[in-house]
PDB file of N, CA and C in Angstrom:
ATOM      1  N   UNK A   1      70.904 -10.590 -12.868  1.00  0.00           N
ATOM      2  CA  UNK A   1      70.020  -9.972 -13.842  1.00  0.00           C
ATOM      3  C   UNK A   1      68.883 -10.942 -14.146  1.00  0.00           C
ATOM      4  N   UNK A   2      67.710 -10.391 -14.397  1.00  0.00           N
ATOM      5  CA  UNK A   2      66.546 -11.229 -14.611  1.00  0.00           C
ATOM      6  C   UNK A   2      66.342 -11.616 -16.061  1.00  0.00           C
ATOM      7  N   UNK A   3      65.430 -12.518 -16.229  1.00  0.00           N
ATOM      8  CA  UNK A   3      65.001 -12.941 -17.561  1.00  0.00           C
ATOM      9  C   UNK A   3      63.506 -12.651 -17.659  1.00  0.00           C
ATOM     10  N   UNK A   4      62.915 -12.774 -18.843  1.00  0.00           N
ATOM     11  CA  UNK A   4      61.471 -12.524 -18.932  1.00  0.00           C
ATOM     12  C   UNK A   4      60.643 -13.404 -18.001  1.00  0.00           C
ATOM     13  N   UNK A   5      61.095 -14.625 -17.748  1.00  0.00           N
ATOM     14  CA  UNK A   5      60.326 -15.498 -16.860  1.00  0.00           C
ATOM     15  C   UNK A   5      60.707 -15.314 -15.403  1.00  0.00           C
ATOM     16  N   UNK A   6      61.873 -14.778 -15.139  1.00  0.00           N
ATOM     17  CA  UNK A   6      62.304 -14.500 -13.778  1.00  0.00           C
ATOM     18  C   UNK A   6      62.797 -13.061 -13.704  1.00  0.00           C
ATOM     19  N   UNK A   7      61.908 -12.075 -13.703  1.00  0.00           N
ATOM     20  CA  UNK A   7      62.343 -10.689 -13.683  1.00  0.00           C
ATOM     21  C   UNK A   7      63.139 -10.364 -12.431  1.00  0.00           C
ATOM     22  N   UNK A   8      64.230  -9.684 -12.640  1.00  0.00           N
ATOM     23  CA  UNK A   8      65.113  -9.250 -11.551  1.00  0.00           C
ATOM     24  C   UNK A   8      65.554 -10.414 -10.678  1.00  0.00           C
ATOM     25  N   UNK A   9      65.677 -11.584 -11.260  1.00  0.00           N
ATOM     26  CA  UNK A   9      66.188 -12.732 -10.520  1.00  0.00           C
ATOM     27  C   UNK A   9      65.218 -13.319  -9.518  1.00  0.00           C
ATOM     28  N   UNK A  10      63.932 -13.093  -9.654  1.00  0.00           N
ATOM     29  CA  UNK A  10      62.941 -13.620  -8.721  1.00  0.00           C
ATOM     30  C   UNK A  10      62.868 -15.135  -8.871  1.00  0.00           C
ATOM     31  N   UNK A  11      63.364 -15.839  -7.885  1.00  0.00           N
ATOM     32  CA  UNK A  11      63.345 -17.301  -7.922  1.00  0.00           C
ATOM     33  C   UNK A  11      61.998 -17.810  -7.435  1.00  0.00           C
ATOM     34  N   UNK A  12      61.854 -19.090  -7.454  1.00  0.00           N
ATOM     35  CA  UNK A  12      60.614 -19.699  -6.991  1.00  0.00           C
ATOM     36  C   UNK A  12      60.086 -20.629  -8.055  1.00  0.00           C
ATOM     37  N   UNK A  13      59.011 -21.301  -7.721  1.00  0.00           N
ATOM     38  CA  UNK A  13      58.408 -22.259  -8.641  1.00  0.00           C
ATOM     39  C   UNK A  13      57.625 -21.514  -9.720  1.00  0.00           C
ATOM     40  N   UNK A  14      57.803 -21.952 -10.957  1.00  0.00           N
ATOM     41  CA  UNK A  14      57.071 -21.344 -12.077  1.00  0.00           C
ATOM     42  C   UNK A  14      55.577 -21.593 -11.879  1.00  0.00           C
ATOM     43  N   UNK A  15      54.768 -20.526 -11.816  1.00  0.00           N
ATOM     44  CA  UNK A  15      53.329 -20.727 -11.621  1.00  0.00           C
ATOM     45  C   UNK A  15      52.655 -21.220 -12.890  1.00  0.00           C
ATOM     46  N   UNK A  16      51.444 -21.677 -12.725  1.00  0.00           N
ATOM     47  CA  UNK A  16      50.619 -22.079 -13.862  1.00  0.00           C
ATOM     48  C   UNK A  16      50.565 -20.898 -14.837  1.00  0.00           C
ATOM     49  N   UNK A  17      50.813 -21.138 -16.122  1.00  0.00           N
ATOM     50  CA  UNK A  17      50.808 -20.032 -17.097  1.00  0.00           C
ATOM     51  C   UNK A  17      49.511 -19.227 -17.100  1.00  0.00           C
ATOM     52  N   UNK A  18      48.404 -19.856 -16.773  1.00  0.00           N
ATOM     53  CA  UNK A  18      47.133 -19.112 -16.742  1.00  0.00           C
ATOM     54  C   UNK A  18      47.169 -17.993 -15.713  1.00  0.00           C
ATOM     55  N   UNK A  19      47.814 -18.262 -14.565  1.00  0.00           N
ATOM     56  CA  UNK A  19      47.895 -17.237 -13.525  1.00  0.00           C
ATOM     57  C   UNK A  19      48.857 -16.127 -13.930  1.00  0.00           C
ATOM     58  N   UNK A  20      49.968 -16.512 -14.538  1.00  0.00           N
ATOM     59  CA  UNK A  20      50.924 -15.510 -15.018  1.00  0.00           C
ATOM     60  C   UNK A  20      50.282 -14.629 -16.080  1.00  0.00           C
ATOM     61  N   UNK A  21      49.547 -15.241 -17.002  1.00  0.00           N
ATOM     62  CA  UNK A  21      48.891 -14.465 -18.053  1.00  0.00           C
ATOM     63  C   UNK A  21      47.767 -13.593 -17.489  1.00  0.00           C
ATOM     64  N   UNK A  22      47.059 -14.082 -16.486  1.00  0.00           N
ATOM     65  CA  UNK A  22      46.024 -13.260 -15.847  1.00  0.00           C
ATOM     66  C   UNK A  22      46.661 -12.056 -15.162  1.00  0.00           C
ATOM     67  N   UNK A  23      47.806 -12.272 -14.529  1.00  0.00           N
ATOM     68  CA  UNK A  23      48.526 -11.171 -13.892  1.00  0.00           C
ATOM     69  C   UNK A  23      48.975 -10.155 -14.942  1.00  0.00           C
ATOM     70  N   UNK A  24      49.438 -10.648 -16.080  1.00  0.00           N
ATOM     71  CA  UNK A  24      49.861  -9.752 -17.159  1.00  0.00           C
ATOM     72  C   UNK A  24      48.670  -8.961 -17.706  1.00  0.00           C
ATOM     73  N   UNK A  25      47.529  -9.609 -17.842  1.00  0.00           N
ATOM     74  CA  UNK A  25      46.330  -8.896 -18.323  1.00  0.00           C
ATOM     75  C   UNK A  25      45.928  -7.794 -17.347  1.00  0.00           C
ATOM     76  N   UNK A  26      46.058  -8.081 -16.062  1.00  0.00           N
ATOM     77  CA  UNK A  26      45.748  -7.064 -15.062  1.00  0.00           C
ATOM     78  C   UNK A  26      46.708  -5.885 -15.186  1.00  0.00           C
ATOM     79  N   UNK A  27      47.990  -6.173 -15.386  1.00  0.00           N
ATOM     80  CA  UNK A  27      48.991  -5.119 -15.599  1.00  0.00           C
ATOM     81  C   UNK A  27      48.604  -4.259 -16.800  1.00  0.00           C
ATOM     82  N   UNK A  28      48.259  -4.905 -17.907  1.00  0.00           N
ATOM     83  CA  UNK A  28      47.886  -4.167 -19.116  1.00  0.00           C
ATOM     84  C   UNK A  28      46.596  -3.371 -18.908  1.00  0.00           C
ATOM     85  N   UNK A  29      45.698  -3.893 -18.089  1.00  0.00           N
ATOM     86  CA  UNK A  29      44.468  -3.165 -17.793  1.00  0.00           C
ATOM     87  C   UNK A  29      44.757  -1.904 -16.988  1.00  0.00           C
ATOM     88  N   UNK A  30      45.721  -1.990 -16.069  1.00  0.00           N
ATOM     89  CA  UNK A  30      46.114  -0.779 -15.336  1.00  0.00           C
ATOM     90  C   UNK A  30      46.677   0.262 -16.300  1.00  0.00           C
ATOM     91  N   UNK A  31      47.448  -0.182 -17.280  1.00  0.00           N
ATOM     92  CA  UNK A  31      47.981   0.766 -18.263  1.00  0.00           C
ATOM     93  C   UNK A  31      46.863   1.347 -19.123  1.00  0.00           C
ATOM     94  N   UNK A  32      45.903   0.534 -19.504  1.00  0.00           N
ATOM     95  CA  UNK A  32      44.751   1.036 -20.267  1.00  0.00           C
ATOM     96  C   UNK A  32      43.959   2.043 -19.442  1.00  0.00           C
ATOM     97  N   UNK A  33      43.783   1.747 -18.176  1.00  0.00           N
ATOM     98  CA  UNK A  33      43.096   2.674 -17.281  1.00  0.00           C
ATOM     99  C   UNK A  33      43.850   3.991 -17.205  1.00  0.00           C
ATOM    100  N   UNK A  34      45.173   3.897 -17.124  1.00  0.00           N
ATOM    101  CA  UNK A  34      45.998   5.101 -17.087  1.00  0.00           C
ATOM    102  C   UNK A  34      45.801   5.946 -18.340  1.00  0.00           C
ATOM    103  N   UNK A  35      45.801   5.299 -19.492  1.00  0.00           N
ATOM    104  CA  UNK A  35      45.593   6.035 -20.746  1.00  0.00           C
ATOM    105  C   UNK A  35      44.208   6.677 -20.793  1.00  0.00           C
ATOM    106  N   UNK A  36      43.196   5.967 -20.326  1.00  0.00           N
ATOM    107  CA  UNK A  36      41.835   6.519 -20.327  1.00  0.00           C
ATOM    108  C   UNK A  36      41.727   7.716 -19.385  1.00  0.00           C
ATOM    109  N   UNK A  37      42.334   7.609 -18.206  1.00  0.00           N
ATOM    110  CA  UNK A  37      42.315   8.732 -17.272  1.00  0.00           C
ATOM    111  C   UNK A  37      43.052   9.937 -17.844  1.00  0.00           C
ATOM    112  N   UNK A  38      44.173   9.672 -18.493  1.00  0.00           N
ATOM    113  CA  UNK A  38      44.939  10.752 -19.119  1.00  0.00           C
ATOM    114  C   UNK A  38      44.120  11.429 -20.216  1.00  0.00           C
ATOM    115  N   UNK A  39      43.479  10.637 -21.047  1.00  0.00           N
ATOM    116  CA  UNK A  39      42.638  11.194 -22.113  1.00  0.00           C
ATOM    117  C   UNK A  39      41.490  12.010 -21.519  1.00  0.00           C
ATOM    118  N   UNK A  40      40.907  11.519 -20.446  1.00  0.00           N
ATOM    119  CA  UNK A  40      39.842  12.266 -19.780  1.00  0.00           C
ATOM    120  C   UNK A  40      40.333  13.586 -19.221  1.00  0.00           C
ATOM    121  N   UNK A  41      41.542  13.575 -18.659  1.00  0.00           N
ATOM    122  CA  UNK A  41      42.118  14.810 -18.134  1.00  0.00           C
ATOM    123  C   UNK A  41      42.402  15.821 -19.225  1.00  0.00           C
ATOM    124  N   UNK A  42      42.956  15.351 -20.332  1.00  0.00           N
ATOM    125  CA  UNK A  42      43.234  16.242 -21.464  1.00  0.00           C
ATOM    126  C   UNK A  42      41.922  16.783 -22.032  1.00  0.00           C
ATOM    127  N   UNK A  43      40.925  15.924 -22.147  1.00  0.00           N
ATOM    128  CA  UNK A  43      39.621  16.369 -22.656  1.00  0.00           C
ATOM    129  C   UNK A  43      38.998  17.404 -21.724  1.00  0.00           C
ATOM    130  N   UNK A  44      39.108  17.173 -20.427  1.00  0.00           N
ATOM    131  CA  UNK A  44      38.551  18.125 -19.465  1.00  0.00           C
ATOM    132  C   UNK A  44      39.260  19.473 -19.567  1.00  0.00           C
ATOM    133  N   UNK A  45      40.572  19.442 -19.748  1.00  0.00           N
ATOM    134  CA  UNK A  45      41.329  20.692 -19.883  1.00  0.00           C
ATOM    135  C   UNK A  45      40.936  21.442 -21.148  1.00  0.00           C
ATOM    136  N   UNK A  46      40.474  20.731 -22.155  1.00  0.00           N
ATOM    137  CA  UNK A  46      40.116  21.353 -23.435  1.00  0.00           C
ATOM    138  C   UNK A  46      38.674  21.853 -23.475  1.00  0.00           C
ATOM    139  N   UNK A  47      37.898  21.563 -22.429  1.00  0.00           N
ATOM    140  CA  UNK A  47      36.500  22.008 -22.397  1.00  0.00           C
ATOM    141  C   UNK A  47      36.459  23.532 -22.375  1.00  0.00           C
ATOM    142  N   UNK A  48      35.536  24.083 -23.103  1.00  0.00           N
ATOM    143  CA  UNK A  48      35.384  25.538 -23.194  1.00  0.00           C
ATOM    144  C   UNK A  48      35.091  26.148 -21.825  1.00  0.00           C
ATOM    145  N   UNK A  49      35.675  27.314 -21.532  1.00  0.00           N
ATOM    146  CA  UNK A  49      35.375  27.990 -20.264  1.00  0.00           C
ATOM    147  C   UNK A  49      33.896  28.362 -20.133  1.00  0.00           C
ATOM    148  N   UNK A  50      33.182  28.369 -21.246  1.00  0.00           N
ATOM    149  CA  UNK A  50      31.748  28.659 -21.197  1.00  0.00           C
ATOM    150  C   UNK A  50      30.958  27.497 -20.597  1.00  0.00           C
ATOM    151  N   UNK A  51      31.537  26.311 -20.607  1.00  0.00           N
ATOM    152  CA  UNK A  51      30.836  25.124 -20.108  1.00  0.00           C
ATOM    153  C   UNK A  51      31.061  24.950 -18.609  1.00  0.00           C
ATOM    154  N   UNK A  52      32.314  24.931 -18.179  1.00  0.00           N
ATOM    155  CA  UNK A  52      32.655  24.806 -16.760  1.00  0.00           C
ATOM    156  C   UNK A  52      33.495  26.004 -16.349  1.00  0.00           C
ATOM    157  N   UNK A  53      33.377  26.389 -15.090  1.00  0.00           N
ATOM    158  CA  UNK A  53      34.237  27.464 -14.594  1.00  0.00           C
ATOM    159  C   UNK A  53      35.684  27.006 -14.718  1.00  0.00           C
ATOM    160  N   UNK A  54      36.591  27.893 -15.130  1.00  0.00           N
ATOM    161  CA  UNK A  54      37.972  27.472 -15.423  1.00  0.00           C
ATOM    162  C   UNK A  54      38.687  26.772 -14.271  1.00  0.00           C
ATOM    163  N   UNK A  55      38.532  27.259 -13.040  1.00  0.00           N
ATOM    164  CA  UNK A  55      39.273  26.640 -11.941  1.00  0.00           C
ATOM    165  C   UNK A  55      38.791  25.212 -11.687  1.00  0.00           C
ATOM    166  N   UNK A  56      37.487  24.975 -11.857  1.00  0.00           N
ATOM    167  CA  UNK A  56      36.962  23.627 -11.640  1.00  0.00           C
ATOM    168  C   UNK A  56      37.387  22.692 -12.764  1.00  0.00           C
ATOM    169  N   UNK A  57      37.371  23.204 -13.966  1.00  0.00           N
ATOM    170  CA  UNK A  57      37.819  22.420 -15.125  1.00  0.00           C
ATOM    171  C   UNK A  57      39.278  22.013 -14.930  1.00  0.00           C
ATOM    172  N   UNK A  58      40.103  22.960 -14.485  1.00  0.00           N
ATOM    173  CA  UNK A  58      41.520  22.668 -14.249  1.00  0.00           C
ATOM    174  C   UNK A  58      41.687  21.651 -13.126  1.00  0.00           C
ATOM    175  N   UNK A  59      40.917  21.808 -12.054  1.00  0.00           N
ATOM    176  CA  UNK A  59      40.995  20.865 -10.935  1.00  0.00           C
ATOM    177  C   UNK A  59      40.642  19.452 -11.383  1.00  0.00           C
ATOM    178  N   UNK A  60      39.554  19.320 -12.120  1.00  0.00           N
ATOM    179  CA  UNK A  60      39.156  17.996 -12.604  1.00  0.00           C
ATOM    180  C   UNK A  60      40.222  17.406 -13.523  1.00  0.00           C
ATOM    181  N   UNK A  61      40.782  18.218 -14.404  1.00  0.00           N
ATOM    182  CA  UNK A  61      41.825  17.736 -15.313  1.00  0.00           C
ATOM    183  C   UNK A  61      43.056  17.282 -14.541  1.00  0.00           C
ATOM    184  N   UNK A  62      43.459  18.061 -13.543  1.00  0.00           N
ATOM    185  CA  UNK A  62      44.647  17.711 -12.752  1.00  0.00           C
ATOM    186  C   UNK A  62      44.419  16.412 -11.982  1.00  0.00           C
ATOM    187  N   UNK A  63      43.241  16.248 -11.399  1.00  0.00           N
ATOM    188  CA  UNK A  63      42.950  15.010 -10.660  1.00  0.00           C
ATOM    189  C   UNK A  63      42.997  13.807 -11.600  1.00  0.00           C
ATOM    190  N   UNK A  64      42.387  13.926 -12.768  1.00  0.00           N
ATOM    191  CA  UNK A  64      42.381  12.806 -13.716  1.00  0.00           C
ATOM    192  C   UNK A  64      43.788  12.459 -14.197  1.00  0.00           C
ATOM    193  N   UNK A  65      44.571  13.464 -14.545  1.00  0.00           N
ATOM    194  CA  UNK A  65      45.927  13.191 -15.033  1.00  0.00           C
ATOM    195  C   UNK A  65      46.809  12.666 -13.897  1.00  0.00           C
ATOM    196  N   UNK A  66      46.597  13.144 -12.673  1.00  0.00           N
ATOM    197  CA  UNK A  66      47.364  12.630 -11.531  1.00  0.00           C
ATOM    198  C   UNK A  66      47.034  11.163 -11.274  1.00  0.00           C
ATOM    199  N   UNK A  67      45.749  10.816 -11.334  1.00  0.00           N
ATOM    200  CA  UNK A  67      45.369   9.408 -11.190  1.00  0.00           C
ATOM    201  C   UNK A  67      45.977   8.571 -12.312  1.00  0.00           C
ATOM    202  N   UNK A  68      46.051   9.144 -13.499  1.00  0.00           N
ATOM    203  CA  UNK A  68      46.662   8.456 -14.638  1.00  0.00           C
ATOM    204  C   UNK A  68      48.131   8.147 -14.365  1.00  0.00           C
ATOM    205  N   UNK A  69      48.852   9.145 -13.898  1.00  0.00           N
ATOM    206  CA  UNK A  69      50.279   8.952 -13.612  1.00  0.00           C
ATOM    207  C   UNK A  69      50.472   7.917 -12.508  1.00  0.00           C
ATOM    208  N   UNK A  70      49.634   7.968 -11.489  1.00  0.00           N
ATOM    209  CA  UNK A  70      49.738   7.010 -10.393  1.00  0.00           C
ATOM    210  C   UNK A  70      49.451   5.588 -10.872  1.00  0.00           C
ATOM    211  N   UNK A  71      48.433   5.427 -11.702  1.00  0.00           N
ATOM    212  CA  UNK A  71      48.104   4.093 -12.230  1.00  0.00           C
ATOM    213  C   UNK A  71      49.259   3.538 -13.049  1.00  0.00           C
ATOM    214  N   UNK A  72      49.845   4.372 -13.893  1.00  0.00           N
ATOM    215  CA  UNK A  72      50.961   3.916 -14.727  1.00  0.00           C
ATOM    216  C   UNK A  72      52.184   3.592 -13.874  1.00  0.00           C
ATOM    217  N   UNK A  73      52.455   4.431 -12.889  1.00  0.00           N
ATOM    218  CA  UNK A  73      53.642   4.228 -12.054  1.00  0.00           C
ATOM    219  C   UNK A  73      53.523   2.994 -11.167  1.00  0.00           C
ATOM    220  N   UNK A  74      52.315   2.653 -10.751  1.00  0.00           N
ATOM    221  CA  UNK A  74      52.139   1.537  -9.828  1.00  0.00           C
ATOM    222  C   UNK A  74      51.808   0.216 -10.518  1.00  0.00           C
ATOM    223  N   UNK A  75      51.592   0.230 -11.824  1.00  0.00           N
ATOM    224  CA  UNK A  75      51.213  -0.998 -12.535  1.00  0.00           C
ATOM    225  C   UNK A  75      52.308  -2.058 -12.459  1.00  0.00           C
ATOM    226  N   UNK A  76      53.544  -1.685 -12.744  1.00  0.00           N
ATOM    227  CA  UNK A  76      54.617  -2.681 -12.751  1.00  0.00           C
ATOM    228  C   UNK A  76      54.955  -3.181 -11.339  1.00  0.00           C
ATOM    229  N   UNK A  77      55.103  -2.290 -10.340  1.00  0.00           N
ATOM    230  CA  UNK A  77      55.358  -2.819  -8.994  1.00  0.00           C
ATOM    231  C   UNK A  77      54.265  -3.780  -8.522  1.00  0.00           C
ATOM    232  N   UNK A  78      53.024  -3.480  -8.866  1.00  0.00           N
ATOM    233  CA  UNK A  78      51.925  -4.384  -8.497  1.00  0.00           C
ATOM    234  C   UNK A  78      52.091  -5.730  -9.203  1.00  0.00           C
ATOM    235  N   UNK A  79      52.414  -5.691 -10.496  1.00  0.00           N
ATOM    236  CA  UNK A  79      52.636  -6.927 -11.249  1.00  0.00           C
ATOM    237  C   UNK A  79      53.739  -7.751 -10.587  1.00  0.00           C
ATOM    238  N   UNK A  80      54.832  -7.083 -10.205  1.00  0.00           N
ATOM    239  CA  UNK A  80      55.961  -7.783  -9.572  1.00  0.00           C
ATOM    240  C   UNK A  80      55.554  -8.443  -8.265  1.00  0.00           C
ATOM    241  N   UNK A  81      54.807  -7.707  -7.416  1.00  0.00           N
ATOM    242  CA  UNK A  81      54.393  -8.273  -6.128  1.00  0.00           C
ATOM    243  C   UNK A  81      53.498  -9.495  -6.322  1.00  0.00           C
ATOM    244  N   UNK A  82      52.564  -9.412  -7.249  1.00  0.00           N
ATOM    245  CA  UNK A  82      51.666 -10.546  -7.508  1.00  0.00           C
ATOM    246  C   UNK A  82      52.453 -11.713  -8.084  1.00  0.00           C
ATOM    247  N   UNK A  83      53.361 -11.439  -9.017  1.00  0.00           N
ATOM    248  CA  UNK A  83      54.158 -12.506  -9.619  1.00  0.00           C
ATOM    249  C   UNK A  83      55.015 -13.204  -8.559  1.00  0.00           C
ATOM    250  N   UNK A  84      55.582 -12.415  -7.655  1.00  0.00           N
ATOM    251  CA  UNK A  84      56.387 -12.989  -6.568  1.00  0.00           C
ATOM    252  C   UNK A  84      55.514 -13.897  -5.690  1.00  0.00           C
ATOM    253  N   UNK A  85      54.308 -13.428  -5.367  1.00  0.00           N
ATOM    254  CA  UNK A  85      53.403 -14.243  -4.552  1.00  0.00           C
ATOM    255  C   UNK A  85      53.028 -15.534  -5.277  1.00  0.00           C
ATOM    256  N   UNK A  86      52.784 -15.451  -6.576  1.00  0.00           N
ATOM    257  CA  UNK A  86      52.458 -16.652  -7.351  1.00  0.00           C
ATOM    258  C   UNK A  86      53.619 -17.638  -7.349  1.00  0.00           C
ATOM    259  N   UNK A  87      54.836 -17.140  -7.507  1.00  0.00           N
ATOM    260  CA  UNK A  87      56.012 -18.015  -7.567  1.00  0.00           C
ATOM    261  C   UNK A  87      56.303 -18.693  -6.230  1.00  0.00           C
ATOM    262  N   UNK A  88      55.915 -18.050  -5.143  1.00  0.00           N
ATOM    263  CA  UNK A  88      56.247 -18.578  -3.820  1.00  0.00           C
ATOM    264  C   UNK A  88      55.021 -19.100  -3.072  1.00  0.00           C
ATOM    265  N   UNK A  89      53.912 -19.289  -3.792  1.00  0.00           N
ATOM    266  CA  UNK A  89      52.667 -19.798  -3.201  1.00  0.00           C
ATOM    267  C   UNK A  89      52.280 -19.008  -1.956  1.00  0.00           C
ATOM    268  N   UNK A  90      52.469 -17.710  -2.020  1.00  0.00           N
ATOM    269  CA  UNK A  90      52.140 -16.817  -0.909  1.00  0.00           C
ATOM    270  C   UNK A  90      50.788 -16.147  -1.185  1.00  0.00           C
ATOM    271  N   UNK A  91      50.185 -15.582  -0.148  1.00  0.00           N
ATOM    272  CA  UNK A  91      48.930 -14.851  -0.379  1.00  0.00           C
ATOM    273  C   UNK A  91      49.168 -13.662  -1.319  1.00  0.00           C
ATOM    274  N   UNK A  92      48.180 -13.382  -2.143  1.00  0.00           N
ATOM    275  CA  UNK A  92      48.299 -12.242  -3.046  1.00  0.00           C
ATOM    276  C   UNK A  92      48.226 -10.946  -2.245  1.00  0.00           C
ATOM    277  N   UNK A  93      48.998  -9.945  -2.647  1.00  0.00           N
ATOM    278  CA  UNK A  93      48.945  -8.667  -1.932  1.00  0.00           C
ATOM    279  C   UNK A  93      47.600  -7.983  -2.171  1.00  0.00           C
ATOM    280  N   UNK A  94      47.131  -7.228  -1.189  1.00  0.00           N
ATOM    281  CA  UNK A  94      45.845  -6.542  -1.379  1.00  0.00           C
ATOM    282  C   UNK A  94      45.982  -5.426  -2.416  1.00  0.00           C
ATOM    283  N   UNK A  95      44.905  -5.116  -3.106  1.00  0.00           N
ATOM    284  CA  UNK A  95      44.944  -4.025  -4.093  1.00  0.00           C
ATOM    285  C   UNK A  95      44.897  -2.673  -3.381  1.00  0.00           C
ATOM    286  N   UNK A  96      46.048  -2.215  -2.901  1.00  0.00           N
ATOM    287  CA  UNK A  96      46.123  -1.027  -2.053  1.00  0.00           C
ATOM    288  C   UNK A  96      45.586   0.233  -2.721  1.00  0.00           C
ATOM    289  N   UNK A  97      45.741   0.362  -4.022  1.00  0.00           N
ATOM    290  CA  UNK A  97      45.322   1.589  -4.696  1.00  0.00           C
ATOM    291  C   UNK A  97      43.877   1.561  -5.184  1.00  0.00           C
ATOM    292  N   UNK A  98      43.229   0.432  -5.111  1.00  0.00           N
ATOM    293  CA  UNK A  98      41.857   0.332  -5.620  1.00  0.00           C
ATOM    294  C   UNK A  98      40.915   1.348  -4.970  1.00  0.00           C
ATOM    295  N   UNK A  99      40.935   1.513  -3.649  1.00  0.00           N
ATOM    296  CA  UNK A  99      40.038   2.519  -3.063  1.00  0.00           C
ATOM    297  C   UNK A  99      40.348   3.935  -3.551  1.00  0.00           C
ATOM    298  N   UNK A 100      41.624   4.252  -3.686  1.00  0.00           N
ATOM    299  CA  UNK A 100      42.006   5.587  -4.154  1.00  0.00           C
ATOM    300  C   UNK A 100      41.448   5.857  -5.544  1.00  0.00           C
ATOM    301  N   UNK A 101      41.578   4.893  -6.435  1.00  0.00           N
ATOM    302  CA  UNK A 101      41.063   5.081  -7.793  1.00  0.00           C
ATOM    303  C   UNK A 101      39.538   5.104  -7.807  1.00  0.00           C
ATOM    304  N   UNK A 102      38.925   4.242  -7.045  1.00  0.00           N
ATOM    305  CA  UNK A 102      37.465   4.232  -6.986  1.00  0.00           C
ATOM    306  C   UNK A 102      36.908   5.546  -6.471  1.00  0.00           C
ATOM    307  N   UNK A 103      37.438   6.018  -5.345  1.00  0.00           N
ATOM    308  CA  UNK A 103      36.956   7.277  -4.778  1.00  0.00           C
ATOM    309  C   UNK A 103      37.370   8.472  -5.628  1.00  0.00           C
ATOM    310  N   UNK A 104      38.558   8.422  -6.215  1.00  0.00           N
ATOM    311  CA  UNK A 104      39.020   9.526  -7.058  1.00  0.00           C
ATOM    312  C   UNK A 104      38.149   9.713  -8.284  1.00  0.00           C
ATOM    313  N   UNK A 105      37.862   8.631  -8.970  1.00  0.00           N
ATOM    314  CA  UNK A 105      37.017   8.717 -10.167  1.00  0.00           C
ATOM    315  C   UNK A 105      35.585   9.089  -9.768  1.00  0.00           C
ATOM    316  N   UNK A 106      35.103   8.564  -8.643  1.00  0.00           N
ATOM    317  CA  UNK A 106      33.756   8.925  -8.178  1.00  0.00           C
ATOM    318  C   UNK A 106      33.675  10.413  -7.849  1.00  0.00           C
ATOM    319  N   UNK A 107      34.711  10.960  -7.213  1.00  0.00           N
ATOM    320  CA  UNK A 107      34.726  12.392  -6.883  1.00  0.00           C
ATOM    321  C   UNK A 107      34.704  13.243  -8.144  1.00  0.00           C
ATOM    322  N   UNK A 108      35.503  12.871  -9.128  1.00  0.00           N
ATOM    323  CA  UNK A 108      35.514  13.614 -10.393  1.00  0.00           C
ATOM    324  C   UNK A 108      34.139  13.544 -11.052  1.00  0.00           C
ATOM    325  N   UNK A 109      33.536  12.365 -11.056  1.00  0.00           N
ATOM    326  CA  UNK A 109      32.216  12.213 -11.677  1.00  0.00           C
ATOM    327  C   UNK A 109      31.164  13.049 -10.956  1.00  0.00           C
ATOM    328  N   UNK A 110      31.202  13.060  -9.624  1.00  0.00           N
ATOM    329  CA  UNK A 110      30.228  13.853  -8.871  1.00  0.00           C
ATOM    330  C   UNK A 110      30.416  15.348  -9.111  1.00  0.00           C
ATOM    331  N   UNK A 111      31.668  15.807  -9.125  1.00  0.00           N
ATOM    332  CA  UNK A 111      31.924  17.225  -9.409  1.00  0.00           C
ATOM    333  C   UNK A 111      31.447  17.597 -10.805  1.00  0.00           C
ATOM    334  N   UNK A 112      31.730  16.743 -11.768  1.00  0.00           N
ATOM    335  CA  UNK A 112      31.278  17.009 -13.136  1.00  0.00           C
ATOM    336  C   UNK A 112      29.750  17.025 -13.196  1.00  0.00           C
ATOM    337  N   UNK A 113      29.110  16.119 -12.476  1.00  0.00           N
ATOM    338  CA  UNK A 113      27.646  16.078 -12.454  1.00  0.00           C
ATOM    339  C   UNK A 113      27.071  17.358 -11.864  1.00  0.00           C
ATOM    340  N   UNK A 114      27.650  17.822 -10.764  1.00  0.00           N
ATOM    341  CA  UNK A 114      27.196  19.077 -10.154  1.00  0.00           C
ATOM    342  C   UNK A 114      27.356  20.228 -11.135  1.00  0.00           C
ATOM    343  N   UNK A 115      28.499  20.282 -11.804  1.00  0.00           N
ATOM    344  CA  UNK A 115      28.727  21.357 -12.772  1.00  0.00           C
ATOM    345  C   UNK A 115      27.744  21.282 -13.936  1.00  0.00           C
ATOM    346  N   UNK A 116      27.454  20.086 -14.381  1.00  0.00           N
ATOM    347  CA  UNK A 116      26.502  19.920 -15.488  1.00  0.00           C
ATOM    348  C   UNK A 116      25.099  20.356 -15.056  1.00  0.00           C
ATOM    349  N   UNK A 117      24.687  19.918 -13.864  1.00  0.00           N
ATOM    350  CA  UNK A 117      23.335  20.240 -13.392  1.00  0.00           C
ATOM    351  C   UNK A 117      23.153  21.718 -13.057  1.00  0.00           C
ATOM    352  N   UNK A 118      24.222  22.368 -12.617  1.00  0.00           N
ATOM    353  CA  UNK A 118      24.121  23.798 -12.296  1.00  0.00           C
ATOM    354  C   UNK A 118      24.365  24.667 -13.519  1.00  0.00           C
ATOM    355  N   UNK A 119      24.734  24.045 -14.609  1.00  0.00           N
ATOM    356  CA  UNK A 119      24.977  24.809 -15.836  1.00  0.00           C
ATOM    357  C   UNK A 119      26.304  25.522 -15.849  1.00  0.00           C
ATOM    358  N   UNK A 120      27.191  25.204 -14.943  1.00  0.00           N
ATOM    359  CA  UNK A 120      28.529  25.796 -14.901  1.00  0.00           C
ATOM    360  C   UNK A 120      29.489  24.721 -14.523  1.00  0.00           C
TER     361      UNK A 120
END
């Protein structure tokens, strides 16, 4: 069983606290991002049908809430992988989900922009 400093029994050399705290801040930022995406999805779902066509509003809301769930679900595994790399002086894992979130949020923004400019 793990302890707060060695979650799930992850052995290795204790990294510099600055790196551990930076990793923790990144974890918390992923959770904040998840909450913001969720709030955006809920807000999009609440938009009046007079503003956006209902199917597009629903699509945008579903994409935002899905990205929110993915960000929340992947925050801890990412933290664990980075912490393991720090403890074992290994290369940091690549941010595998960064392109998905970047393109996902960009797609939602572009769709919303098109809807705003077309008046629907």
